[in-house]
Amino acid sequence: ACKIEDIWNNCKCRPFFYLQPRPTEPSIKICTTEDLPCL
């Protein structure tokens, strides 16, 4: 969860292979090829 939060703070997305942080939280944008340089 800490890694997902750090990726979101820096790149505003979540890699597809990471789980959703919590079912109650809103969905986070999945990273695409446009986010690869930031990742």
PDB file of all heavy atoms in Angstrom:
ATOM      1  N   ALA A   1       0.826  -1.210   0.000  1.00  0.00           N
ATOM      2  CA  ALA A   1       0.000   0.000   0.000  1.00  0.00           C
ATOM      3  C   ALA A   1       0.858   1.256   0.000  1.00  0.00           C
ATOM      4  O   ALA A   1       0.510   2.267  -0.634  1.00  0.00           O
ATOM      5  CB  ALA A   1      -0.929  -0.017   1.212  1.00  0.00           C
ATOM      6  N   CYS A   2       1.993   1.198   0.702  1.00  0.00           N
ATOM      7  CA  CYS A   2       2.917   2.334   0.721  1.00  0.00           C
ATOM      8  C   CYS A   2       3.510   2.576  -0.673  1.00  0.00           C
ATOM      9  O   CYS A   2       3.645   3.725  -1.110  1.00  0.00           O
ATOM     10  CB  CYS A   2       4.016   2.068   1.744  1.00  0.00           C
ATOM     11  SG  CYS A   2       5.282   3.353   1.855  1.00  0.00           S
ATOM     12  N   LYS A   3       3.834   1.522  -1.389  1.00  0.00           N
ATOM     13  CA  LYS A   3       4.384   1.661  -2.735  1.00  0.00           C
ATOM     14  C   LYS A   3       3.333   2.206  -3.702  1.00  0.00           C
ATOM     15  O   LYS A   3       3.637   3.058  -4.549  1.00  0.00           O
ATOM     16  CB  LYS A   3       4.904   0.303  -3.219  1.00  0.00           C
ATOM     17  CG  LYS A   3       6.096  -0.201  -2.432  1.00  0.00           C
ATOM     18  CD  LYS A   3       6.481  -1.612  -2.826  1.00  0.00           C
ATOM     19  CE  LYS A   3       7.013  -1.688  -4.209  1.00  0.00           C
ATOM     20  NZ  LYS A   3       7.528  -3.046  -4.521  1.00  0.00           N
ATOM     21  N   ILE A   4       2.093   1.733  -3.560  1.00  0.00           N
ATOM     22  CA  ILE A   4       1.025   2.232  -4.427  1.00  0.00           C
ATOM     23  C   ILE A   4       0.787   3.725  -4.181  1.00  0.00           C
ATOM     24  O   ILE A   4       0.594   4.509  -5.117  1.00  0.00           O
ATOM     25  CB  ILE A   4      -0.261   1.418  -4.192  1.00  0.00           C
ATOM     26  CG1 ILE A   4      -0.054  -0.034  -4.640  1.00  0.00           C
ATOM     27  CG2 ILE A   4      -1.432   2.029  -4.937  1.00  0.00           C
ATOM     28  CD1 ILE A   4      -1.217  -0.944  -4.326  1.00  0.00           C
ATOM     29  N   GLU A   5       0.828   4.126  -2.923  1.00  0.00           N
ATOM     30  CA  GLU A   5       0.641   5.535  -2.594  1.00  0.00           C
ATOM     31  C   GLU A   5       1.775   6.395  -3.155  1.00  0.00           C
ATOM     32  O   GLU A   5       1.545   7.511  -3.656  1.00  0.00           O
ATOM     33  CB  GLU A   5       0.556   5.703  -1.077  1.00  0.00           C
ATOM     34  CG  GLU A   5       0.314   7.127  -0.625  1.00  0.00           C
ATOM     35  CD  GLU A   5       0.254   7.254   0.891  1.00  0.00           C
ATOM     36  OE1 GLU A   5       0.408   6.220   1.581  1.00  0.00           O
ATOM     37  OE2 GLU A   5       0.068   8.389   1.382  1.00  0.00           O
ATOM     38  N   ASP A   6       3.002   5.878  -3.078  1.00  0.00           N
ATOM     39  CA  ASP A   6       4.143   6.630  -3.610  1.00  0.00           C
ATOM     40  C   ASP A   6       4.043   6.774  -5.125  1.00  0.00           C
ATOM     41  O   ASP A   6       4.336   7.851  -5.673  1.00  0.00           O
ATOM     42  CB  ASP A   6       5.436   5.921  -3.222  1.00  0.00           C
ATOM     43  CG  ASP A   6       6.670   6.642  -3.714  1.00  0.00           C
ATOM     44  OD1 ASP A   6       6.991   7.706  -3.158  1.00  0.00           O
ATOM     45  OD2 ASP A   6       7.300   6.134  -4.668  1.00  0.00           O
ATOM     46  N   ILE A   7       3.629   5.718  -5.831  1.00  0.00           N
ATOM     47  CA  ILE A   7       3.473   5.793  -7.285  1.00  0.00           C
ATOM     48  C   ILE A   7       2.371   6.787  -7.648  1.00  0.00           C
ATOM     49  O   ILE A   7       2.493   7.567  -8.598  1.00  0.00           O
ATOM     50  CB  ILE A   7       3.173   4.398  -7.864  1.00  0.00           C
ATOM     51  CG1 ILE A   7       4.366   3.465  -7.641  1.00  0.00           C
ATOM     52  CG2 ILE A   7       2.847   4.481  -9.348  1.00  0.00           C
ATOM     53  CD1 ILE A   7       4.110   2.036  -8.049  1.00  0.00           C
ATOM     54  N   TRP A   8       1.300   6.783  -6.857  1.00  0.00           N
ATOM     55  CA  TRP A   8       0.206   7.709  -7.127  1.00  0.00           C
ATOM     56  C   TRP A   8       0.643   9.158  -6.902  1.00  0.00           C
ATOM     57  O   TRP A   8       0.294  10.050  -7.671  1.00  0.00           O
ATOM     58  CB  TRP A   8      -0.990   7.364  -6.253  1.00  0.00           C
ATOM     59  CG  TRP A   8      -2.095   8.378  -6.330  1.00  0.00           C
ATOM     60  CD1 TRP A   8      -2.424   9.314  -5.408  1.00  0.00           C
ATOM     61  CD2 TRP A   8      -3.003   8.550  -7.417  1.00  0.00           C
ATOM     62  NE1 TRP A   8      -3.476  10.061  -5.840  1.00  0.00           N
ATOM     63  CE2 TRP A   8      -3.860   9.616  -7.080  1.00  0.00           C
ATOM     64  CE3 TRP A   8      -3.171   7.915  -8.652  1.00  0.00           C
ATOM     65  CZ2 TRP A   8      -4.873  10.053  -7.929  1.00  0.00           C
ATOM     66  CZ3 TRP A   8      -4.184   8.354  -9.499  1.00  0.00           C
ATOM     67  CH2 TRP A   8      -5.017   9.413  -9.129  1.00  0.00           C
ATOM     68  N   ASN A   9       1.426   9.393  -5.843  1.00  0.00           N
ATOM     69  CA  ASN A   9       1.867  10.759  -5.560  1.00  0.00           C
ATOM     70  C   ASN A   9       2.813  11.285  -6.629  1.00  0.00           C
ATOM     71  O   ASN A   9       2.838  12.494  -6.906  1.00  0.00           O
ATOM     72  CB  ASN A   9       2.559  10.817  -4.193  1.00  0.00           C
ATOM     73  CG  ASN A   9       1.603  10.551  -3.046  1.00  0.00           C
ATOM     74  OD1 ASN A   9       0.397  10.808  -3.166  1.00  0.00           O
ATOM     75  ND2 ASN A   9       2.128  10.048  -1.946  1.00  0.00           N
ATOM     76  N   ASN A  10       3.588  10.396  -7.246  1.00  0.00           N
ATOM     77  CA  ASN A  10       4.573  10.833  -8.239  1.00  0.00           C
ATOM     78  C   ASN A  10       4.052  10.757  -9.675  1.00  0.00           C
ATOM     79  O   ASN A  10       4.357  11.625 -10.490  1.00  0.00           O
ATOM     80  CB  ASN A  10       5.845   9.988  -8.124  1.00  0.00           C
ATOM     81  CG  ASN A  10       6.585  10.227  -6.814  1.00  0.00           C
ATOM     82  OD1 ASN A  10       6.813  11.362  -6.417  1.00  0.00           O
ATOM     83  ND2 ASN A  10       6.946   9.157  -6.135  1.00  0.00           N
ATOM     84  N   CYS A  11       3.275   9.692  -9.965  1.00  0.00           N
ATOM     85  CA  CYS A  11       2.859   9.463 -11.351  1.00  0.00           C
ATOM     86  C   CYS A  11       1.352   9.490 -11.564  1.00  0.00           C
ATOM     87  O   CYS A  11       0.888   9.373 -12.710  1.00  0.00           O
ATOM     88  CB  CYS A  11       3.417   8.129 -11.858  1.00  0.00           C
ATOM     89  SG  CYS A  11       5.218   8.009 -11.776  1.00  0.00           S
ATOM     90  N   LYS A  12       0.559   9.589 -10.483  1.00  0.00           N
ATOM     91  CA  LYS A  12      -0.901   9.668 -10.567  1.00  0.00           C
ATOM     92  C   LYS A  12      -1.518   8.477 -11.296  1.00  0.00           C
ATOM     93  O   LYS A  12      -2.442   8.614 -12.105  1.00  0.00           O
ATOM     94  CB  LYS A  12      -1.337  10.975 -11.258  1.00  0.00           C
ATOM     95  CG  LYS A  12      -0.858  12.235 -10.570  1.00  0.00           C
ATOM     96  CD  LYS A  12      -1.356  12.307  -9.137  1.00  0.00           C
ATOM     97  CE  LYS A  12      -0.839  13.560  -8.437  1.00  0.00           C
ATOM     98  NZ  LYS A  12      -1.265  13.616  -7.021  1.00  0.00           N
ATOM     99  N   CYS A  13      -1.010   7.274 -10.999  1.00  0.00           N
ATOM    100  CA  CYS A  13      -1.595   6.062 -11.578  1.00  0.00           C
ATOM    101  C   CYS A  13      -1.183   4.869 -10.730  1.00  0.00           C
ATOM    102  O   CYS A  13      -0.393   4.992  -9.783  1.00  0.00           O
ATOM    103  CB  CYS A  13      -1.144   5.867 -13.033  1.00  0.00           C
ATOM    104  SG  CYS A  13       0.632   5.540 -13.209  1.00  0.00           S
ATOM    105  N   ARG A  14      -1.732   3.718 -11.061  1.00  0.00           N
ATOM    106  CA  ARG A  14      -1.414   2.468 -10.354  1.00  0.00           C
ATOM    107  C   ARG A  14      -1.111   1.388 -11.385  1.00  0.00           C
ATOM    108  O   ARG A  14      -1.899   1.181 -12.316  1.00  0.00           O
ATOM    109  CB  ARG A  14      -2.592   2.035  -9.476  1.00  0.00           C
ATOM    110  CG  ARG A  14      -2.431   0.649  -8.872  1.00  0.00           C
ATOM    111  CD  ARG A  14      -3.580   0.333  -7.915  1.00  0.00           C
ATOM    112  NE  ARG A  14      -4.867   0.328  -8.582  1.00  0.00           N
ATOM    113  CZ  ARG A  14      -5.411  -0.759  -9.137  1.00  0.00           C
ATOM    114  NH1 ARG A  14      -4.752  -1.909  -9.143  1.00  0.00           N
ATOM    115  NH2 ARG A  14      -6.594  -0.687  -9.705  1.00  0.00           N
ATOM    116  N   PRO A  15       0.035   0.668 -11.277  1.00  0.00           N
ATOM    117  CA  PRO A  15       0.313  -0.433 -12.206  1.00  0.00           C
ATOM    118  C   PRO A  15      -0.779  -1.501 -12.148  1.00  0.00           C
ATOM    119  O   PRO A  15      -1.350  -1.762 -11.088  1.00  0.00           O
ATOM    120  CB  PRO A  15       1.657  -0.971 -11.715  1.00  0.00           C
ATOM    121  CG  PRO A  15       2.299   0.174 -11.006  1.00  0.00           C
ATOM    122  CD  PRO A  15       1.166   0.923 -10.370  1.00  0.00           C
ATOM    123  N   PHE A  16      -1.046  -2.119 -13.275  1.00  0.00           N
ATOM    124  CA  PHE A  16      -2.170  -3.051 -13.356  1.00  0.00           C
ATOM    125  C   PHE A  16      -1.992  -4.274 -12.468  1.00  0.00           C
ATOM    126  O   PHE A  16      -2.970  -4.900 -12.065  1.00  0.00           O
ATOM    127  CB  PHE A  16      -2.359  -3.492 -14.811  1.00  0.00           C
ATOM    128  CG  PHE A  16      -1.356  -4.511 -15.269  1.00  0.00           C
ATOM    129  CD1 PHE A  16      -1.628  -5.872 -15.205  1.00  0.00           C
ATOM    130  CD2 PHE A  16      -0.113  -4.125 -15.766  1.00  0.00           C
ATOM    131  CE1 PHE A  16      -0.694  -6.812 -15.624  1.00  0.00           C
ATOM    132  CE2 PHE A  16       0.822  -5.054 -16.175  1.00  0.00           C
ATOM    133  CZ  PHE A  16       0.539  -6.399 -16.107  1.00  0.00           C
ATOM    134  N   PHE A  17      -0.727  -4.644 -12.172  1.00  0.00           N
ATOM    135  CA  PHE A  17      -0.512  -5.868 -11.396  1.00  0.00           C
ATOM    136  C   PHE A  17      -0.620  -5.637  -9.893  1.00  0.00           C
ATOM    137  O   PHE A  17      -0.519  -6.588  -9.126  1.00  0.00           O
ATOM    138  CB  PHE A  17       0.859  -6.484 -11.728  1.00  0.00           C
ATOM    139  CG  PHE A  17       1.995  -5.505 -11.715  1.00  0.00           C
ATOM    140  CD1 PHE A  17       2.590  -5.132 -10.525  1.00  0.00           C
ATOM    141  CD2 PHE A  17       2.471  -4.955 -12.893  1.00  0.00           C
ATOM    142  CE1 PHE A  17       3.652  -4.233 -10.503  1.00  0.00           C
ATOM    143  CE2 PHE A  17       3.528  -4.060 -12.890  1.00  0.00           C
ATOM    144  CZ  PHE A  17       4.119  -3.688 -11.687  1.00  0.00           C
ATOM    145  N   TYR A  18      -0.809  -4.389  -9.450  1.00  0.00           N
ATOM    146  CA  TYR A  18      -1.019  -4.114  -8.033  1.00  0.00           C
ATOM    147  C   TYR A  18      -2.517  -4.126  -7.721  1.00  0.00           C
ATOM    148  O   TYR A  18      -3.341  -3.705  -8.533  1.00  0.00           O
ATOM    149  CB  TYR A  18      -0.441  -2.755  -7.644  1.00  0.00           C
ATOM    150  CG  TYR A  18       1.068  -2.749  -7.475  1.00  0.00           C
ATOM    151  CD1 TYR A  18       1.799  -1.584  -7.621  1.00  0.00           C
ATOM    152  CD2 TYR A  18       1.750  -3.926  -7.177  1.00  0.00           C
ATOM    153  CE1 TYR A  18       3.179  -1.573  -7.467  1.00  0.00           C
ATOM    154  CE2 TYR A  18       3.125  -3.921  -7.034  1.00  0.00           C
ATOM    155  CZ  TYR A  18       3.834  -2.755  -7.177  1.00  0.00           C
ATOM    156  OH  TYR A  18       5.196  -2.775  -7.030  1.00  0.00           O
ATOM    157  N   LEU A  19      -2.834  -4.600  -6.511  1.00  0.00           N
ATOM    158  CA  LEU A  19      -4.224  -4.685  -6.097  1.00  0.00           C
ATOM    159  C   LEU A  19      -4.765  -3.310  -5.753  1.00  0.00           C
ATOM    160  O   LEU A  19      -4.019  -2.373  -5.455  1.00  0.00           O
ATOM    161  CB  LEU A  19      -4.358  -5.613  -4.890  1.00  0.00           C
ATOM    162  CG  LEU A  19      -3.860  -7.050  -5.067  1.00  0.00           C
ATOM    163  CD1 LEU A  19      -3.967  -7.809  -3.751  1.00  0.00           C
ATOM    164  CD2 LEU A  19      -4.656  -7.767  -6.135  1.00  0.00           C
ATOM    165  N   GLN A  20      -6.086  -3.211  -5.788  1.00  0.00           N
ATOM    166  CA  GLN A  20      -6.746  -1.987  -5.340  1.00  0.00           C
ATOM    167  C   GLN A  20      -6.491  -1.818  -3.843  1.00  0.00           C
ATOM    168  O   GLN A  20      -6.622  -2.778  -3.078  1.00  0.00           O
ATOM    169  CB  GLN A  20      -8.249  -2.085  -5.603  1.00  0.00           C
ATOM    170  CG  GLN A  20      -9.072  -0.913  -5.131  1.00  0.00           C
ATOM    171  CD  GLN A  20      -8.880   0.327  -5.991  1.00  0.00           C
ATOM    172  OE1 GLN A  20      -8.381   0.229  -7.106  1.00  0.00           O
ATOM    173  NE2 GLN A  20      -9.257   1.473  -5.468  1.00  0.00           N
ATOM    174  N   PRO A  21      -6.072  -0.621  -3.355  1.00  0.00           N
ATOM    175  CA  PRO A  21      -5.754  -0.454  -1.934  1.00  0.00           C
ATOM    176  C   PRO A  21      -6.841  -0.940  -1.001  1.00  0.00           C
ATOM    177  O   PRO A  21      -6.584  -1.703  -0.088  1.00  0.00           O
ATOM    178  CB  PRO A  21      -5.539   1.056  -1.821  1.00  0.00           C
ATOM    179  CG  PRO A  21      -5.095   1.472  -3.178  1.00  0.00           C
ATOM    180  CD  PRO A  21      -5.815   0.578  -4.129  1.00  0.00           C
ATOM    181  N   ARG A  22      -8.099  -0.527  -1.223  1.00  0.00           N
ATOM    182  CA  ARG A  22      -9.216  -1.007  -0.408  1.00  0.00           C
ATOM    183  C   ARG A  22     -10.479  -0.945  -1.245  1.00  0.00           C
ATOM    184  O   ARG A  22     -10.646  -0.045  -2.070  1.00  0.00           O
ATOM    185  CB  ARG A  22      -9.403  -0.148   0.850  1.00  0.00           C
ATOM    186  CG  ARG A  22      -8.411  -0.450   1.956  1.00  0.00           C
ATOM    187  CD  ARG A  22      -8.803   0.253   3.225  1.00  0.00           C
ATOM    188  NE  ARG A  22      -7.661   0.360   4.114  1.00  0.00           N
ATOM    189  CZ  ARG A  22      -7.664   1.077   5.244  1.00  0.00           C
ATOM    190  NH1 ARG A  22      -8.746   1.728   5.601  1.00  0.00           N
ATOM    191  NH2 ARG A  22      -6.600   1.131   6.008  1.00  0.00           N
ATOM    192  N   PRO A  23     -11.404  -1.878  -1.021  1.00  0.00           N
ATOM    193  CA  PRO A  23     -12.642  -1.837  -1.809  1.00  0.00           C
ATOM    194  C   PRO A  23     -13.455  -0.573  -1.553  1.00  0.00           C
ATOM    195  O   PRO A  23     -14.205  -0.128  -2.415  1.00  0.00           O
ATOM    196  CB  PRO A  23     -13.384  -3.096  -1.340  1.00  0.00           C
ATOM    197  CG  PRO A  23     -12.330  -3.993  -0.785  1.00  0.00           C
ATOM    198  CD  PRO A  23     -11.308  -3.067  -0.192  1.00  0.00           C
ATOM    199  N   THR A  24     -13.324   0.028  -0.366  1.00  0.00           N
ATOM    200  CA  THR A  24     -14.118   1.207  -0.036  1.00  0.00           C
ATOM    201  C   THR A  24     -13.570   2.478  -0.651  1.00  0.00           C
ATOM    202  O   THR A  24     -14.272   3.491  -0.734  1.00  0.00           O
ATOM    203  CB  THR A  24     -14.178   1.379   1.494  1.00  0.00           C
ATOM    204  OG1 THR A  24     -12.850   1.466   2.014  1.00  0.00           O
ATOM    205  CG2 THR A  24     -14.892   0.193   2.138  1.00  0.00           C
ATOM    206  N   GLU A  25     -12.305   2.471  -1.082  1.00  0.00           N
ATOM    207  CA  GLU A  25     -11.692   3.651  -1.659  1.00  0.00           C
ATOM    208  C   GLU A  25     -12.001   3.739  -3.158  1.00  0.00           C
ATOM    209  O   GLU A  25     -12.239   2.725  -3.814  1.00  0.00           O
ATOM    210  CB  GLU A  25     -10.182   3.629  -1.435  1.00  0.00           C
ATOM    211  CG  GLU A  25      -9.777   3.708   0.027  1.00  0.00           C
ATOM    212  CD  GLU A  25      -8.282   3.745   0.201  1.00  0.00           C
ATOM    213  OE1 GLU A  25      -7.575   3.689  -0.824  1.00  0.00           O
ATOM    214  OE2 GLU A  25      -7.820   3.845   1.351  1.00  0.00           O
ATOM    215  N   PRO A  26     -12.014   4.942  -3.697  1.00  0.00           N
ATOM    216  CA  PRO A  26     -12.286   5.084  -5.134  1.00  0.00           C
ATOM    217  C   PRO A  26     -11.177   4.457  -5.977  1.00  0.00           C
ATOM    218  O   PRO A  26     -10.029   4.355  -5.559  1.00  0.00           O
ATOM    219  CB  PRO A  26     -12.346   6.612  -5.327  1.00  0.00           C
ATOM    220  CG  PRO A  26     -11.566   7.176  -4.175  1.00  0.00           C
ATOM    221  CD  PRO A  26     -11.792   6.236  -3.029  1.00  0.00           C
ATOM    222  N   SER A  27     -11.542   4.024  -7.151  1.00  0.00           N
ATOM    223  CA  SER A  27     -10.579   3.382  -8.044  1.00  0.00           C
ATOM    224  C   SER A  27      -9.517   4.381  -8.480  1.00  0.00           C
ATOM    225  O   SER A  27      -9.791   5.573  -8.661  1.00  0.00           O
ATOM    226  CB  SER A  27     -11.300   2.825  -9.272  1.00  0.00           C
ATOM    227  OG  SER A  27     -12.243   1.844  -8.886  1.00  0.00           O
ATOM    228  N   ILE A  28      -8.299   3.869  -8.630  1.00  0.00           N
ATOM    229  CA  ILE A  28      -7.169   4.687  -9.052  1.00  0.00           C
ATOM    230  C   ILE A  28      -6.872   4.376 -10.509  1.00  0.00           C
ATOM    231  O   ILE A  28      -6.948   3.225 -10.953  1.00  0.00           O
ATOM    232  CB  ILE A  28      -5.945   4.409  -8.168  1.00  0.00           C
ATOM    233  CG1 ILE A  28      -6.275   4.712  -6.697  1.00  0.00           C
ATOM    234  CG2 ILE A  28      -4.757   5.236  -8.609  1.00  0.00           C
ATOM    235  CD1 ILE A  28      -5.142   4.396  -5.748  1.00  0.00           C
ATOM    236  N   LYS A  29      -6.520   5.391 -11.232  1.00  0.00           N
ATOM    237  CA  LYS A  29      -6.231   5.239 -12.664  1.00  0.00           C
ATOM    238  C   LYS A  29      -5.109   4.232 -12.885  1.00  0.00           C
ATOM    239  O   LYS A  29      -4.074   4.268 -12.226  1.00  0.00           O
ATOM    240  CB  LYS A  29      -5.839   6.600 -13.240  1.00  0.00           C
ATOM    241  CG  LYS A  29      -5.341   6.561 -14.680  1.00  0.00           C
ATOM    242  CD  LYS A  29      -4.921   7.925 -15.140  1.00  0.00           C
ATOM    243  CE  LYS A  29      -4.252   7.893 -16.500  1.00  0.00           C
ATOM    244  NZ  LYS A  29      -2.956   7.208 -16.469  1.00  0.00           N
ATOM    245  N   ILE A  30      -5.334   3.314 -13.825  1.00  0.00           N
ATOM    246  CA  ILE A  30      -4.342   2.305 -14.167  1.00  0.00           C
ATOM    247  C   ILE A  30      -3.283   2.934 -15.065  1.00  0.00           C
ATOM    248  O   ILE A  30      -3.586   3.699 -15.992  1.00  0.00           O
ATOM    249  CB  ILE A  30      -5.000   1.110 -14.863  1.00  0.00           C
ATOM    250  CG1 ILE A  30      -6.081   0.495 -13.959  1.00  0.00           C
ATOM    251  CG2 ILE A  30      -3.960   0.044 -15.216  1.00  0.00           C
ATOM    252  CD1 ILE A  30      -5.544  -0.055 -12.663  1.00  0.00           C
ATOM    253  N   CYS A  31      -2.020   2.597 -14.792  1.00  0.00           N
ATOM    254  CA  CYS A  31      -0.916   3.153 -15.590  1.00  0.00           C
ATOM    255  C   CYS A  31      -0.952   2.594 -17.010  1.00  0.00           C
ATOM    256  O   CYS A  31      -1.267   1.411 -17.235  1.00  0.00           O
ATOM    257  CB  CYS A  31       0.421   2.808 -14.936  1.00  0.00           C
ATOM    258  SG  CYS A  31       0.633   3.490 -13.279  1.00  0.00           S
ATOM    259  N   THR A  32      -0.611   3.425 -17.949  1.00  0.00           N
ATOM    260  CA  THR A  32      -0.534   3.040 -19.352  1.00  0.00           C
ATOM    261  C   THR A  32       0.886   3.287 -19.856  1.00  0.00           C
ATOM    262  O   THR A  32       1.789   3.651 -19.097  1.00  0.00           O
ATOM    263  CB  THR A  32      -1.548   3.849 -20.183  1.00  0.00           C
ATOM    264  OG1 THR A  32      -1.219   5.244 -20.105  1.00  0.00           O
ATOM    265  CG2 THR A  32      -2.961   3.641 -19.669  1.00  0.00           C
ATOM    266  N   THR A  33       1.070   3.114 -21.150  1.00  0.00           N
ATOM    267  CA  THR A  33       2.397   3.321 -21.725  1.00  0.00           C
ATOM    268  C   THR A  33       2.838   4.780 -21.618  1.00  0.00           C
ATOM    269  O   THR A  33       4.043   5.063 -21.647  1.00  0.00           O
ATOM    270  CB  THR A  33       2.396   2.883 -23.193  1.00  0.00           C
ATOM    271  OG1 THR A  33       1.333   3.569 -23.893  1.00  0.00           O
ATOM    272  CG2 THR A  33       2.193   1.388 -23.310  1.00  0.00           C
ATOM    273  N   GLU A  34       1.906   5.696 -21.503  1.00  0.00           N
ATOM    274  CA  GLU A  34       2.272   7.102 -21.350  1.00  0.00           C
ATOM    275  C   GLU A  34       2.929   7.376 -20.004  1.00  0.00           C
ATOM    276  O   GLU A  34       3.653   8.368 -19.860  1.00  0.00           O
ATOM    277  CB  GLU A  34       1.032   7.983 -21.501  1.00  0.00           C
ATOM    278  CG  GLU A  34       0.387   7.907 -22.878  1.00  0.00           C
ATOM    279  CD  GLU A  34      -0.869   8.747 -22.960  1.00  0.00           C
ATOM    280  OE1 GLU A  34      -1.267   9.288 -21.898  1.00  0.00           O
ATOM    281  OE2 GLU A  34      -1.438   8.867 -24.056  1.00  0.00           O
ATOM    282  N   ASP A  35       2.683   6.522 -19.024  1.00  0.00           N
ATOM    283  CA  ASP A  35       3.247   6.719 -17.689  1.00  0.00           C
ATOM    284  C   ASP A  35       4.570   6.000 -17.485  1.00  0.00           C
ATOM    285  O   ASP A  35       5.142   6.061 -16.388  1.00  0.00           O
ATOM    286  CB  ASP A  35       2.244   6.232 -16.629  1.00  0.00           C
ATOM    287  CG  ASP A  35       0.915   6.945 -16.736  1.00  0.00           C
ATOM    288  OD1 ASP A  35       0.923   8.185 -16.700  1.00  0.00           O
ATOM    289  OD2 ASP A  35      -0.129   6.251 -16.856  1.00  0.00           O
ATOM    290  N   LEU A  36       5.063   5.303 -18.492  1.00  0.00           N
ATOM    291  CA  LEU A  36       6.302   4.545 -18.341  1.00  0.00           C
ATOM    292  C   LEU A  36       7.506   5.415 -17.997  1.00  0.00           C
ATOM    293  O   LEU A  36       8.329   5.034 -17.153  1.00  0.00           O
ATOM    294  CB  LEU A  36       6.574   3.730 -19.605  1.00  0.00           C
ATOM    295  CG  LEU A  36       5.654   2.532 -19.839  1.00  0.00           C
ATOM    296  CD1 LEU A  36       6.019   1.844 -21.155  1.00  0.00           C
ATOM    297  CD2 LEU A  36       5.777   1.557 -18.685  1.00  0.00           C
ATOM    298  N   PRO A  37       7.688   6.584 -18.609  1.00  0.00           N
ATOM    299  CA  PRO A  37       8.843   7.412 -18.211  1.00  0.00           C
ATOM    300  C   PRO A  37       8.830   7.789 -16.736  1.00  0.00           C
ATOM    301  O   PRO A  37       9.882   7.774 -16.080  1.00  0.00           O
ATOM    302  CB  PRO A  37       8.707   8.650 -19.111  1.00  0.00           C
ATOM    303  CG  PRO A  37       7.951   8.170 -20.300  1.00  0.00           C
ATOM    304  CD  PRO A  37       6.983   7.159 -19.771  1.00  0.00           C
ATOM    305  N   CYS A  38       7.663   8.119 -16.211  1.00  0.00           N
ATOM    306  CA  CYS A  38       7.583   8.459 -14.785  1.00  0.00           C
ATOM    307  C   CYS A  38       7.839   7.237 -13.914  1.00  0.00           C
ATOM    308  O   CYS A  38       8.509   7.328 -12.887  1.00  0.00           O
ATOM    309  CB  CYS A  38       6.211   9.063 -14.491  1.00  0.00           C
ATOM    310  SG  CYS A  38       5.981   9.553 -12.765  1.00  0.00           S
ATOM    311  N   LEU A  39       7.323   6.095 -14.315  1.00  0.00           N
ATOM    312  CA  LEU A  39       7.528   4.865 -13.531  1.00  0.00           C
ATOM    313  C   LEU A  39       8.998   4.482 -13.511  1.00  0.00           C
ATOM    314  O   LEU A  39       9.513   4.021 -12.484  1.00  0.00           O
ATOM    315  CB  LEU A  39       6.696   3.733 -14.106  1.00  0.00           C
ATOM    316  CG  LEU A  39       5.172   3.887 -13.997  1.00  0.00           C
ATOM    317  CD1 LEU A  39       4.469   2.748 -14.716  1.00  0.00           C
ATOM    318  CD2 LEU A  39       4.747   3.916 -12.530  1.00  0.00           C
TER     319      LEU A  39
END
